[in-house]
Protein backbone atom coordinates (compact mmCIF):
# COMPACT_ATOMS: atom_id res chain seq x y z
CA MET A 1 36.97 166.92 135.44
CA HIS A 2 34.89 169.65 133.85
CA ILE A 3 31.36 168.44 133.26
CA LYS A 4 29.23 169.55 130.31
CA SER A 5 25.75 168.43 129.34
CA THR A 6 25.30 166.75 125.98
CA ILE A 7 21.68 167.93 125.93
CA ASN A 8 22.16 171.59 126.87
CA ALA A 9 25.60 173.02 126.00
CA LYS A 10 25.04 175.90 128.45
CA THR A 11 24.98 173.47 131.37
CA THR A 12 28.61 173.16 132.39
CA THR A 13 30.80 173.36 135.47
CA ALA A 14 33.02 176.40 135.79
CA GLU A 15 35.50 174.63 138.05
CA ASP A 16 37.19 171.28 138.06
CA VAL A 17 35.01 168.71 139.82
CA PRO A 18 36.89 165.75 141.38
CA VAL A 19 34.45 163.10 140.18
CA ALA A 20 34.66 160.16 137.81
CA VAL A 21 32.45 157.40 136.50
CA LEU A 22 33.34 153.98 137.84
CA THR A 23 32.37 151.26 135.36
CA LEU A 24 32.22 147.73 136.72
CA VAL A 25 33.06 145.20 134.01
CA HIS A 26 33.40 141.44 133.93
CA THR A 27 35.60 139.71 131.36
CA ASN A 28 35.01 136.24 132.74
CA PRO A 29 31.64 134.83 131.56
CA GLN A 30 31.23 133.02 134.89
CA LEU A 31 31.38 136.36 136.75
CA ARG A 32 28.76 138.10 134.59
CA PRO A 33 25.52 139.05 136.32
CA PRO A 34 22.43 137.18 135.05
CA GLY A 35 20.81 138.89 132.07
CA SER A 36 23.82 141.11 131.25
CA GLN A 37 24.96 141.31 127.65
CA PRO A 38 28.60 141.03 126.48
CA THR A 39 30.06 143.97 124.58
CA THR A 40 33.30 144.28 122.68
CA ALA A 41 35.91 146.63 124.10
CA ALA A 42 39.33 146.61 122.44
CA THR A 43 39.98 142.93 121.74
CA GLU A 44 38.22 141.31 124.65
CA SER A 45 34.61 140.48 125.38
CA THR A 46 33.35 142.34 128.44
CA THR A 47 30.10 142.88 130.24
CA ILE A 48 29.30 146.26 131.74
CA ALA A 49 27.55 145.39 134.97
CA ASP A 50 27.09 148.84 136.54
CA ARG A 51 28.18 152.49 136.39
CA ALA A 52 28.28 155.14 139.09
CA PHE A 53 29.45 158.73 139.55
CA VAL A 54 31.86 158.92 142.50
CA CYS A 55 34.02 161.53 144.18
CA LEU A 56 37.63 160.61 143.48
CA PRO A 57 39.51 159.67 146.64
CA ASP A 58 43.05 160.86 147.32
CA SER A 59 44.67 157.42 147.26
CA TYR A 60 44.67 154.30 145.11
CA THR A 61 43.85 152.08 148.09
CA ALA A 62 40.84 154.29 148.86
CA LEU A 63 39.77 154.02 145.20
CA LEU A 64 39.72 150.21 145.43
CA ALA A 65 37.75 150.36 148.69
CA LEU A 66 35.32 152.85 147.12
CA ALA A 67 34.82 150.59 144.09
CA ARG A 68 34.08 147.59 146.33
CA ALA A 69 31.61 149.63 148.41
CA THR A 70 29.95 151.25 145.38
CA PHE A 71 29.33 147.95 143.63
CA GLY A 72 28.61 145.86 146.74
CA LEU A 73 31.67 143.64 146.30
CA PRO A 74 33.11 141.64 149.20
CA PRO A 75 36.23 143.16 150.83
CA HIS A 76 38.49 140.34 149.55
CA THR A 77 37.50 140.87 145.90
CA VAL A 78 40.59 141.32 143.73
CA LEU A 79 40.21 144.31 141.39
CA ARG A 80 42.09 145.84 138.49
CA VAL A 81 41.43 149.47 137.54
CA ALA A 82 42.14 150.92 134.12
CA ILE A 83 41.38 153.87 131.86
CA GLY A 84 41.05 153.98 128.09
CA THR A 85 39.71 157.49 127.46
CA LEU A 86 43.00 159.40 127.55
CA ASP A 87 44.64 160.13 124.18
CA ILE A 88 47.73 158.15 125.15
CA CYS A 89 45.56 155.04 125.74
CA ARG A 90 44.20 155.14 122.17
CA GLY A 91 40.88 153.66 123.30
CA ALA A 92 42.37 150.53 124.88
CA PRO A 93 42.14 149.96 128.65
CA VAL A 94 45.47 150.69 130.37
CA ARG A 95 45.95 149.57 133.97
CA ILE A 96 46.29 152.32 136.58
CA THR A 97 49.02 151.53 139.10
CA LYS A 98 49.17 152.62 142.71
CA GLU A 99 52.18 154.82 141.93
CA ALA A 100 50.57 156.54 138.93
CA TYR A 101 47.16 157.17 140.51
CA PRO A 102 48.06 160.42 142.36
CA MET A 103 49.47 161.94 139.14
CA LEU A 104 46.53 160.79 137.00
CA ARG A 105 43.78 161.62 139.51
CA GLY A 106 43.04 165.04 138.00
CA VAL A 107 42.46 163.70 134.47
CA LEU A 108 40.58 160.49 135.23
CA ASP A 109 37.04 160.43 133.89
CA ILE A 110 35.80 156.89 133.21
CA ILE A 111 37.56 154.30 135.34
CA ARG A 112 37.12 150.67 134.37
CA VAL A 113 36.90 148.39 137.41
CA GLU A 114 37.45 144.74 136.57
CA VAL A 115 36.79 141.88 138.95
CA ILE A 116 39.72 139.48 138.71
CA GLU A 117 39.02 135.81 139.25
CA GLU A 118 41.03 134.35 142.11
CA THR A 119 40.90 130.63 142.71
CA GLN A 120 40.16 129.24 146.13
CA SER A 121 43.35 127.17 146.01
CA GLU A 122 45.50 130.31 145.65
CA ARG A 123 43.80 131.89 148.68
CA GLU A 124 44.22 128.69 150.67
CA LYS A 125 47.94 128.51 149.81
CA GLN A 126 48.43 132.10 150.98
CA ARG A 127 46.63 131.34 154.26
CA GLU A 128 48.70 128.20 154.81
CA ARG A 129 51.98 130.05 154.25
CA LYS A 130 50.88 132.79 156.63
CA ASP A 131 49.71 130.32 159.28
CA MET A 132 52.95 128.32 159.05
CA GLY A 133 55.14 131.40 159.41
CA ARG A 134 56.36 131.20 155.82
CA TRP A 135 54.51 134.31 154.69
CA ASP A 136 56.86 136.43 152.64
CA GLY A 137 55.27 139.65 153.88
CA GLN A 138 54.10 140.84 150.48
CA ASP A 139 50.45 141.82 150.22
CA GLN A 140 49.07 139.90 147.28
CA GLY A 141 45.48 139.86 148.41
CA SER A 142 43.67 142.77 146.83
CA ILE A 143 45.70 144.74 144.33
CA LEU A 144 46.87 143.62 140.90
């Protein structure tokens, strides 16, 4: 991403800088931090909890780990990442998939990180299947 100041137009980067802004949002009112205010983005009510400049990692899995570390989220937190600032997105958040991330990495600027609610019963069922040898081998724990 090329960075340019909105205050001083002469302040700009000459080269592409592999950084982005991670924006942590909550769509579930129960997951909103105390004192945060809901905002409207597209058609859903969201709360922007935090924002941070980060260096973009090379892989999607590393991006999820970086988001968890940046925002102090537990390792098991299920996340969804999306972007809405590209022309093709028309302002609406579009989910970034693991397969598309390497191709999009160079044009990502503001990445929406959404905490997905996962019920305890779903986690318990997965553990039970794994413990009983009926685990189907598919990783469903951290990427949606």
